[in-house]
């Protein structure tokens, strides 16, 4: 019997789900009869030998994106957080690993959160939730000190208000800005990739401008260490809206430096 590679990986217990299977394939970690797999849609039969090149401690590739962002931006993980667009839970897993005591995992999809996290008492699973409907009452008025957001097929400008609404005073918002969902489909290149640096910058500035209208500003920003689907460049921006620190932590050059890094001044040494 033949079928899709991603389905076969999940059926044989080599992947936790088809989504996880696709991530393994895209990461180059799947071998078919000793040769690297090409696509999730590749056809395999019962006679084909499937194996993984090495074990992965994380439930999704997204975990590595957040790990890089936390380190690059110097973000200290607080006691409580909300993972917006949790999917299989890569961000949630990293937050717990970094010391978070409670993570609320939200996603519009159903049954995506990895069983490892669904069964963790520190995780509140609120999948099947439209993020545009997010408000304090929806999460039981729980305290949230950090919101991390990894969303697709919607502009972040439509979600900033709901995401900010659940944060405690002094809380922070860490967004992953995906230009491919900010610039409009008509400006996407082949394969849905935003190839123009100017368009990528415009996407980030559009989101930061929307945050500014809500009284929030960027504290730090960095490109994701890993690209998005098809090679899209994505960006992490850490926002604050704490009026008590506005005079000391506002830096109007955060986004400028993201796209036009200044020379170090070391004379080229």
C-alpha atoms as a PDB file:
ATOM      1  CA  UNK A   1       0.000   0.000   0.000  1.00  0.00           C
ATOM      2  CA  UNK A   2       1.297   3.449  -0.889  1.00  0.00           C
ATOM      3  CA  UNK A   3       0.585   6.880   0.557  1.00  0.00           C
ATOM      4  CA  UNK A   4       2.004  10.272   1.458  1.00  0.00           C
ATOM      5  CA  UNK A   5       5.285  10.476   3.316  1.00  0.00           C
ATOM      6  CA  UNK A   6       3.969  12.747   6.092  1.00  0.00           C
ATOM      7  CA  UNK A   7       1.055  10.386   6.731  1.00  0.00           C
ATOM      8  CA  UNK A   8       3.383   7.385   6.803  1.00  0.00           C
ATOM      9  CA  UNK A   9       5.732   9.035   9.305  1.00  0.00           C
ATOM     10  CA  UNK A  10       2.866   9.718  11.690  1.00  0.00           C
ATOM     11  CA  UNK A  11       1.370   6.249  11.200  1.00  0.00           C
ATOM     12  CA  UNK A  12       4.691   4.549  11.962  1.00  0.00           C
ATOM     13  CA  UNK A  13       5.235   6.615  15.088  1.00  0.00           C
ATOM     14  CA  UNK A  14       8.220   8.522  13.725  1.00  0.00           C
ATOM     15  CA  UNK A  15       6.346  11.832  13.991  1.00  0.00           C
ATOM     16  CA  UNK A  16       3.799  13.046  16.509  1.00  0.00           C
ATOM     17  CA  UNK A  17       1.490  14.392  13.809  1.00  0.00           C
ATOM     18  CA  UNK A  18       1.425  15.254  10.117  1.00  0.00           C
ATOM     19  CA  UNK A  19       2.453  18.802  11.020  1.00  0.00           C
ATOM     20  CA  UNK A  20       5.446  17.476  12.937  1.00  0.00           C
ATOM     21  CA  UNK A  21       6.222  15.148  10.036  1.00  0.00           C
ATOM     22  CA  UNK A  22       6.332  18.062   7.593  1.00  0.00           C
ATOM     23  CA  UNK A  23       8.688  19.953   9.905  1.00  0.00           C
ATOM     24  CA  UNK A  24      11.001  16.948  10.081  1.00  0.00           C
ATOM     25  CA  UNK A  25      10.988  16.656   6.297  1.00  0.00           C
ATOM     26  CA  UNK A  26      11.629  20.379   5.769  1.00  0.00           C
ATOM     27  CA  UNK A  27      14.448  20.179   8.292  1.00  0.00           C
ATOM     28  CA  UNK A  28      16.150  17.478   6.233  1.00  0.00           C
ATOM     29  CA  UNK A  29      15.883  14.896   9.001  1.00  0.00           C
ATOM     30  CA  UNK A  30      13.914  12.200   7.140  1.00  0.00           C
ATOM     31  CA  UNK A  31      15.528   9.454   5.079  1.00  0.00           C
ATOM     32  CA  UNK A  32      13.705   7.170   2.644  1.00  0.00           C
ATOM     33  CA  UNK A  33      15.712   4.010   2.052  1.00  0.00           C
ATOM     34  CA  UNK A  34      18.802   5.884   3.206  1.00  0.00           C
ATOM     35  CA  UNK A  35      18.282   8.940   1.005  1.00  0.00           C
ATOM     36  CA  UNK A  36      17.042  12.399   2.107  1.00  0.00           C
ATOM     37  CA  UNK A  37      13.314  12.891   1.627  1.00  0.00           C
ATOM     38  CA  UNK A  38      12.151  15.648  -0.685  1.00  0.00           C
ATOM     39  CA  UNK A  39       8.565  16.608   0.005  1.00  0.00           C
ATOM     40  CA  UNK A  40       5.835  15.768   2.481  1.00  0.00           C
ATOM     41  CA  UNK A  41       3.706  14.684  -0.466  1.00  0.00           C
ATOM     42  CA  UNK A  42       6.270  12.138  -1.675  1.00  0.00           C
ATOM     43  CA  UNK A  43       4.764   8.698  -2.221  1.00  0.00           C
ATOM     44  CA  UNK A  44       6.069   5.822  -0.115  1.00  0.00           C
ATOM     45  CA  UNK A  45       5.028   2.212   0.240  1.00  0.00           C
ATOM     46  CA  UNK A  46       4.984  -0.320   3.041  1.00  0.00           C
ATOM     47  CA  UNK A  47       8.266  -1.707   1.724  1.00  0.00           C
ATOM     48  CA  UNK A  48      10.084   1.640   2.014  1.00  0.00           C
ATOM     49  CA  UNK A  49      12.373   2.103   5.022  1.00  0.00           C
ATOM     50  CA  UNK A  50      11.831   5.420   6.800  1.00  0.00           C
ATOM     51  CA  UNK A  51      14.187   6.778   9.444  1.00  0.00           C
ATOM     52  CA  UNK A  52      15.152  10.007  11.192  1.00  0.00           C
ATOM     53  CA  UNK A  53      18.725  11.242  11.179  1.00  0.00           C
ATOM     54  CA  UNK A  54      18.645  12.241  14.865  1.00  0.00           C
ATOM     55  CA  UNK A  55      16.194  12.813  17.689  1.00  0.00           C
ATOM     56  CA  UNK A  56      14.752  16.284  18.275  1.00  0.00           C
ATOM     57  CA  UNK A  57      13.885  17.402  21.813  1.00  0.00           C
ATOM     58  CA  UNK A  58      11.399  20.010  20.616  1.00  0.00           C
ATOM     59  CA  UNK A  59       7.869  19.495  19.350  1.00  0.00           C
ATOM     60  CA  UNK A  60       8.308  21.888  16.421  1.00  0.00           C
ATOM     61  CA  UNK A  61      10.873  23.884  14.483  1.00  0.00           C
ATOM     62  CA  UNK A  62       9.331  27.070  15.875  1.00  0.00           C
ATOM     63  CA  UNK A  63      10.986  26.312  19.209  1.00  0.00           C
ATOM     64  CA  UNK A  64      14.380  27.085  17.724  1.00  0.00           C
ATOM     65  CA  UNK A  65      13.116  30.428  16.440  1.00  0.00           C
ATOM     66  CA  UNK A  66      11.995  31.489  19.909  1.00  0.00           C
ATOM     67  CA  UNK A  67      15.176  30.208  21.544  1.00  0.00           C
ATOM     68  CA  UNK A  68      17.186  32.434  19.229  1.00  0.00           C
ATOM     69  CA  UNK A  69      14.948  35.442  19.806  1.00  0.00           C
ATOM     70  CA  UNK A  70      15.039  35.176  23.591  1.00  0.00           C
ATOM     71  CA  UNK A  71      18.826  35.117  23.485  1.00  0.00           C
ATOM     72  CA  UNK A  72      19.255  37.782  20.793  1.00  0.00           C
ATOM     73  CA  UNK A  73      16.853  40.208  22.488  1.00  0.00           C
ATOM     74  CA  UNK A  74      17.852  39.415  26.059  1.00  0.00           C
ATOM     75  CA  UNK A  75      14.322  38.468  27.115  1.00  0.00           C
ATOM     76  CA  UNK A  76      13.943  37.033  30.603  1.00  0.00           C
ATOM     77  CA  UNK A  77      10.956  34.691  30.753  1.00  0.00           C
ATOM     78  CA  UNK A  78       8.535  35.596  33.588  1.00  0.00           C
ATOM     79  CA  UNK A  79       6.298  33.335  35.672  1.00  0.00           C
ATOM     80  CA  UNK A  80       3.251  33.577  33.409  1.00  0.00           C
ATOM     81  CA  UNK A  81       2.890  33.818  29.652  1.00  0.00           C
ATOM     82  CA  UNK A  82       0.455  33.392  26.788  1.00  0.00           C
ATOM     83  CA  UNK A  83       1.406  31.702  23.526  1.00  0.00           C
ATOM     84  CA  UNK A  84      -0.748  33.151  20.733  1.00  0.00           C
ATOM     85  CA  UNK A  85      -0.836  30.862  17.713  1.00  0.00           C
ATOM     86  CA  UNK A  86       0.534  27.957  19.722  1.00  0.00           C
ATOM     87  CA  UNK A  87      -0.074  25.233  17.098  1.00  0.00           C
ATOM     88  CA  UNK A  88       1.919  22.164  18.211  1.00  0.00           C
ATOM     89  CA  UNK A  89       3.495  24.157  21.037  1.00  0.00           C
ATOM     90  CA  UNK A  90       7.100  24.922  20.148  1.00  0.00           C
ATOM     91  CA  UNK A  91       6.977  28.355  21.789  1.00  0.00           C
ATOM     92  CA  UNK A  92       5.103  26.952  24.797  1.00  0.00           C
ATOM     93  CA  UNK A  93       7.751  24.275  25.292  1.00  0.00           C
ATOM     94  CA  UNK A  94      10.565  26.832  25.244  1.00  0.00           C
ATOM     95  CA  UNK A  95       8.772  29.117  27.712  1.00  0.00           C
ATOM     96  CA  UNK A  96       8.397  26.227  30.147  1.00  0.00           C
ATOM     97  CA  UNK A  97      12.008  25.211  29.641  1.00  0.00           C
ATOM     98  CA  UNK A  98      13.102  28.772  30.437  1.00  0.00           C
ATOM     99  CA  UNK A  99      11.235  28.751  33.750  1.00  0.00           C
ATOM    100  CA  UNK A 100       7.666  29.821  33.041  1.00  0.00           C
ATOM    101  CA  UNK A 101       5.302  28.417  35.671  1.00  0.00           C
ATOM    102  CA  UNK A 102       2.124  28.741  33.604  1.00  0.00           C
ATOM    103  CA  UNK A 103       1.570  29.106  29.864  1.00  0.00           C
ATOM    104  CA  UNK A 104      -1.797  29.690  28.223  1.00  0.00           C
ATOM    105  CA  UNK A 105      -1.659  28.110  24.752  1.00  0.00           C
ATOM    106  CA  UNK A 106      -4.129  29.618  22.278  1.00  0.00           C
ATOM    107  CA  UNK A 107      -4.739  28.717  18.670  1.00  0.00           C
ATOM    108  CA  UNK A 108      -7.685  28.902  16.305  1.00  0.00           C
ATOM    109  CA  UNK A 109      -7.039  25.288  15.301  1.00  0.00           C
ATOM    110  CA  UNK A 110      -8.101  22.167  17.162  1.00  0.00           C
ATOM    111  CA  UNK A 111      -6.140  19.173  18.464  1.00  0.00           C
ATOM    112  CA  UNK A 112      -2.771  20.538  17.355  1.00  0.00           C
ATOM    113  CA  UNK A 113      -1.015  20.901  20.710  1.00  0.00           C
ATOM    114  CA  UNK A 114       1.480  18.089  21.211  1.00  0.00           C
ATOM    115  CA  UNK A 115       0.370  15.466  23.788  1.00  0.00           C
ATOM    116  CA  UNK A 116       3.549  16.159  25.746  1.00  0.00           C
ATOM    117  CA  UNK A 117       2.249  19.673  26.411  1.00  0.00           C
ATOM    118  CA  UNK A 118      -1.455  18.859  26.628  1.00  0.00           C
ATOM    119  CA  UNK A 119      -0.673  16.650  29.599  1.00  0.00           C
ATOM    120  CA  UNK A 120       1.593  19.191  31.317  1.00  0.00           C
ATOM    121  CA  UNK A 121      -0.235  20.757  34.312  1.00  0.00           C
ATOM    122  CA  UNK A 122       1.567  24.047  33.680  1.00  0.00           C
ATOM    123  CA  UNK A 123      -0.170  24.433  30.308  1.00  0.00           C
ATOM    124  CA  UNK A 124      -3.700  25.782  29.905  1.00  0.00           C
ATOM    125  CA  UNK A 125      -4.878  24.565  26.509  1.00  0.00           C
ATOM    126  CA  UNK A 126      -7.326  26.991  24.896  1.00  0.00           C
ATOM    127  CA  UNK A 127      -7.118  25.805  21.315  1.00  0.00           C
ATOM    128  CA  UNK A 128     -10.084  26.502  19.083  1.00  0.00           C
ATOM    129  CA  UNK A 129      -9.925  30.181  20.083  1.00  0.00           C
ATOM    130  CA  UNK A 130     -10.087  33.057  17.608  1.00  0.00           C
ATOM    131  CA  UNK A 131      -7.362  35.469  18.681  1.00  0.00           C
ATOM    132  CA  UNK A 132      -9.431  38.435  17.532  1.00  0.00           C
ATOM    133  CA  UNK A 133     -11.865  37.543  20.317  1.00  0.00           C
ATOM    134  CA  UNK A 134      -9.153  37.490  22.984  1.00  0.00           C
ATOM    135  CA  UNK A 135      -9.921  39.463  26.150  1.00  0.00           C
ATOM    136  CA  UNK A 136      -9.143  39.030  29.866  1.00  0.00           C
ATOM    137  CA  UNK A 137     -12.432  37.238  30.563  1.00  0.00           C
ATOM    138  CA  UNK A 138     -11.642  34.625  27.910  1.00  0.00           C
ATOM    139  CA  UNK A 139      -8.619  33.470  29.893  1.00  0.00           C
ATOM    140  CA  UNK A 140     -10.334  33.698  33.259  1.00  0.00           C
ATOM    141  CA  UNK A 141      -8.675  37.027  34.085  1.00  0.00           C
ATOM    142  CA  UNK A 142      -5.415  35.164  34.655  1.00  0.00           C
ATOM    143  CA  UNK A 143      -2.219  37.160  35.073  1.00  0.00           C
ATOM    144  CA  UNK A 144      -0.115  37.306  31.902  1.00  0.00           C
ATOM    145  CA  UNK A 145       3.312  38.937  32.070  1.00  0.00           C
ATOM    146  CA  UNK A 146       4.496  38.022  28.571  1.00  0.00           C
ATOM    147  CA  UNK A 147       2.645  37.361  25.327  1.00  0.00           C
ATOM    148  CA  UNK A 148       4.503  35.638  22.493  1.00  0.00           C
ATOM    149  CA  UNK A 149       2.812  35.609  19.104  1.00  0.00           C
ATOM    150  CA  UNK A 150       3.438  33.433  16.057  1.00  0.00           C
ATOM    151  CA  UNK A 151       0.429  33.774  13.771  1.00  0.00           C
ATOM    152  CA  UNK A 152      -0.189  33.113  10.085  1.00  0.00           C
ATOM    153  CA  UNK A 153      -2.706  34.142   7.429  1.00  0.00           C
ATOM    154  CA  UNK A 154      -3.637  37.318   9.303  1.00  0.00           C
ATOM    155  CA  UNK A 155      -1.963  40.669   9.846  1.00  0.00           C
ATOM    156  CA  UNK A 156      -0.622  41.305  13.328  1.00  0.00           C
ATOM    157  CA  UNK A 157      -2.101  44.790  13.123  1.00  0.00           C
ATOM    158  CA  UNK A 158      -5.519  43.187  13.658  1.00  0.00           C
ATOM    159  CA  UNK A 159      -4.384  41.314  16.761  1.00  0.00           C
ATOM    160  CA  UNK A 160      -2.275  43.802  18.709  1.00  0.00           C
ATOM    161  CA  UNK A 161      -5.239  45.204  20.635  1.00  0.00           C
ATOM    162  CA  UNK A 162      -6.541  41.814  21.820  1.00  0.00           C
ATOM    163  CA  UNK A 163      -3.029  40.580  22.657  1.00  0.00           C
ATOM    164  CA  UNK A 164      -2.182  43.686  24.673  1.00  0.00           C
ATOM    165  CA  UNK A 165      -5.521  43.585  26.491  1.00  0.00           C
ATOM    166  CA  UNK A 166      -4.572  40.506  28.530  1.00  0.00           C
ATOM    167  CA  UNK A 167      -1.172  41.754  29.705  1.00  0.00           C
ATOM    168  CA  UNK A 168      -0.595  42.920  33.255  1.00  0.00           C
ATOM    169  CA  UNK A 169       0.869  46.361  33.914  1.00  0.00           C
ATOM    170  CA  UNK A 170       4.511  46.232  32.907  1.00  0.00           C
ATOM    171  CA  UNK A 171       3.972  43.185  30.699  1.00  0.00           C
ATOM    172  CA  UNK A 172       5.782  42.665  27.410  1.00  0.00           C
ATOM    173  CA  UNK A 173       4.698  41.554  23.950  1.00  0.00           C
ATOM    174  CA  UNK A 174       7.065  39.536  21.747  1.00  0.00           C
ATOM    175  CA  UNK A 175       5.798  39.202  18.201  1.00  0.00           C
ATOM    176  CA  UNK A 176       7.178  37.320  15.248  1.00  0.00           C
ATOM    177  CA  UNK A 177       6.400  39.534  12.269  1.00  0.00           C
ATOM    178  CA  UNK A 178       5.942  37.620   9.026  1.00  0.00           C
ATOM    179  CA  UNK A 179       6.133  39.981   6.031  1.00  0.00           C
ATOM    180  CA  UNK A 180       4.376  37.424   3.829  1.00  0.00           C
ATOM    181  CA  UNK A 181       1.187  38.030   5.828  1.00  0.00           C
ATOM    182  CA  UNK A 182       1.588  41.802   6.101  1.00  0.00           C
ATOM    183  CA  UNK A 183       2.342  43.087   2.592  1.00  0.00           C
ATOM    184  CA  UNK A 184      -0.661  41.716   0.712  1.00  0.00           C
ATOM    185  CA  UNK A 185      -0.815  38.747  -1.647  1.00  0.00           C
ATOM    186  CA  UNK A 186      -0.335  40.926  -4.724  1.00  0.00           C
ATOM    187  CA  UNK A 187       3.206  41.793  -3.604  1.00  0.00           C
ATOM    188  CA  UNK A 188       4.360  38.247  -2.898  1.00  0.00           C
ATOM    189  CA  UNK A 189       6.990  36.728  -5.129  1.00  0.00           C
ATOM    190  CA  UNK A 190       7.188  33.190  -6.429  1.00  0.00           C
ATOM    191  CA  UNK A 191       6.373  30.649  -3.754  1.00  0.00           C
ATOM    192  CA  UNK A 192       4.831  33.286  -1.493  1.00  0.00           C
ATOM    193  CA  UNK A 193       8.192  34.821  -0.601  1.00  0.00           C
ATOM    194  CA  UNK A 194       8.756  38.522   0.130  1.00  0.00           C
ATOM    195  CA  UNK A 195      12.089  39.039  -1.603  1.00  0.00           C
ATOM    196  CA  UNK A 196      12.279  42.824  -1.458  1.00  0.00           C
ATOM    197  CA  UNK A 197      14.144  44.158   1.613  1.00  0.00           C
ATOM    198  CA  UNK A 198      12.130  47.364   1.289  1.00  0.00           C
ATOM    199  CA  UNK A 199       8.861  45.434   1.501  1.00  0.00           C
ATOM    200  CA  UNK A 200      10.082  43.479   4.503  1.00  0.00           C
ATOM    201  CA  UNK A 201      11.011  46.698   6.265  1.00  0.00           C
ATOM    202  CA  UNK A 202       7.644  48.208   5.368  1.00  0.00           C
ATOM    203  CA  UNK A 203       5.896  45.202   6.916  1.00  0.00           C
ATOM    204  CA  UNK A 204       7.755  45.591  10.207  1.00  0.00           C
ATOM    205  CA  UNK A 205       7.204  49.344  10.330  1.00  0.00           C
ATOM    206  CA  UNK A 206       3.500  48.871   9.642  1.00  0.00           C
ATOM    207  CA  UNK A 207       3.175  46.631  12.687  1.00  0.00           C
ATOM    208  CA  UNK A 208       5.244  48.910  14.919  1.00  0.00           C
ATOM    209  CA  UNK A 209       3.193  51.914  13.791  1.00  0.00           C
ATOM    210  CA  UNK A 210      -0.005  50.080  14.728  1.00  0.00           C
ATOM    211  CA  UNK A 211       1.492  49.308  18.140  1.00  0.00           C
ATOM    212  CA  UNK A 212       2.452  52.951  18.561  1.00  0.00           C
ATOM    213  CA  UNK A 213      -1.166  53.972  18.056  1.00  0.00           C
ATOM    214  CA  UNK A 214      -1.986  51.785  21.064  1.00  0.00           C
ATOM    215  CA  UNK A 215       0.749  53.381  23.164  1.00  0.00           C
ATOM    216  CA  UNK A 216       3.314  50.611  22.734  1.00  0.00           C
ATOM    217  CA  UNK A 217       6.845  50.890  21.379  1.00  0.00           C
ATOM    218  CA  UNK A 218       9.648  48.514  20.323  1.00  0.00           C
ATOM    219  CA  UNK A 219      12.321  47.760  22.911  1.00  0.00           C
ATOM    220  CA  UNK A 220      14.413  45.448  20.742  1.00  0.00           C
ATOM    221  CA  UNK A 221      14.261  43.698  17.385  1.00  0.00           C
ATOM    222  CA  UNK A 222      16.123  40.971  15.520  1.00  0.00           C
ATOM    223  CA  UNK A 223      15.706  38.837  12.443  1.00  0.00           C
ATOM    224  CA  UNK A 224      14.711  35.263  13.187  1.00  0.00           C
ATOM    225  CA  UNK A 225      17.700  32.933  13.126  1.00  0.00           C
ATOM    226  CA  UNK A 226      15.654  30.484  11.050  1.00  0.00           C
ATOM    227  CA  UNK A 227      13.667  31.403   7.940  1.00  0.00           C
ATOM    228  CA  UNK A 228       9.972  30.836   7.530  1.00  0.00           C
ATOM    229  CA  UNK A 229       8.304  28.654   4.894  1.00  0.00           C
ATOM    230  CA  UNK A 230       9.950  28.810   1.474  1.00  0.00           C
ATOM    231  CA  UNK A 231      12.755  30.917   2.925  1.00  0.00           C
ATOM    232  CA  UNK A 232      10.839  33.998   4.067  1.00  0.00           C
ATOM    233  CA  UNK A 233      12.814  36.295   6.369  1.00  0.00           C
ATOM    234  CA  UNK A 234      10.876  36.910   9.597  1.00  0.00           C
ATOM    235  CA  UNK A 235      11.473  39.292  12.488  1.00  0.00           C
ATOM    236  CA  UNK A 236      11.016  39.308  16.240  1.00  0.00           C
ATOM    237  CA  UNK A 237      10.073  42.593  17.900  1.00  0.00           C
ATOM    238  CA  UNK A 238       9.746  43.040  21.662  1.00  0.00           C
ATOM    239  CA  UNK A 239       7.202  45.704  22.670  1.00  0.00           C
ATOM    240  CA  UNK A 240       6.527  47.569  25.900  1.00  0.00           C
ATOM    241  CA  UNK A 241       3.696  49.868  26.897  1.00  0.00           C
ATOM    242  CA  UNK A 242       4.727  50.541  30.478  1.00  0.00           C
ATOM    243  CA  UNK A 243       4.326  54.298  31.083  1.00  0.00           C
ATOM    244  CA  UNK A 244       6.542  54.141  34.166  1.00  0.00           C
ATOM    245  CA  UNK A 245       9.578  53.305  32.019  1.00  0.00           C
ATOM    246  CA  UNK A 246       8.648  55.200  28.863  1.00  0.00           C
ATOM    247  CA  UNK A 247      11.249  57.911  29.413  1.00  0.00           C
ATOM    248  CA  UNK A 248      14.098  55.458  29.893  1.00  0.00           C
ATOM    249  CA  UNK A 249      13.465  52.551  27.531  1.00  0.00           C
ATOM    250  CA  UNK A 250      12.089  54.254  24.435  1.00  0.00           C
ATOM    251  CA  UNK A 251      14.623  53.968  21.624  1.00  0.00           C
ATOM    252  CA  UNK A 252      13.515  55.424  18.278  1.00  0.00           C
ATOM    253  CA  UNK A 253      16.392  53.703  16.503  1.00  0.00           C
ATOM    254  CA  UNK A 254      15.399  50.089  17.210  1.00  0.00           C
ATOM    255  CA  UNK A 255      13.864  49.408  13.797  1.00  0.00           C
ATOM    256  CA  UNK A 256      16.363  51.597  11.946  1.00  0.00           C
ATOM    257  CA  UNK A 257      19.213  49.428  13.233  1.00  0.00           C
ATOM    258  CA  UNK A 258      17.353  46.249  12.326  1.00  0.00           C
ATOM    259  CA  UNK A 259      17.489  47.147   8.637  1.00  0.00           C
ATOM    260  CA  UNK A 260      20.561  49.383   8.545  1.00  0.00           C
ATOM    261  CA  UNK A 261      23.065  48.121  11.122  1.00  0.00           C
ATOM    262  CA  UNK A 262      25.697  50.703  11.956  1.00  0.00           C
ATOM    263  CA  UNK A 263      29.380  49.817  11.683  1.00  0.00           C
ATOM    264  CA  UNK A 264      31.045  48.912  14.943  1.00  0.00           C
ATOM    265  CA  UNK A 265      33.583  51.716  14.652  1.00  0.00           C
ATOM    266  CA  UNK A 266      36.535  49.392  15.237  1.00  0.00           C
ATOM    267  CA  UNK A 267      38.315  50.556  12.127  1.00  0.00           C
ATOM    268  CA  UNK A 268      37.650  47.266  10.346  1.00  0.00           C
ATOM    269  CA  UNK A 269      39.648  45.201  12.822  1.00  0.00           C
END
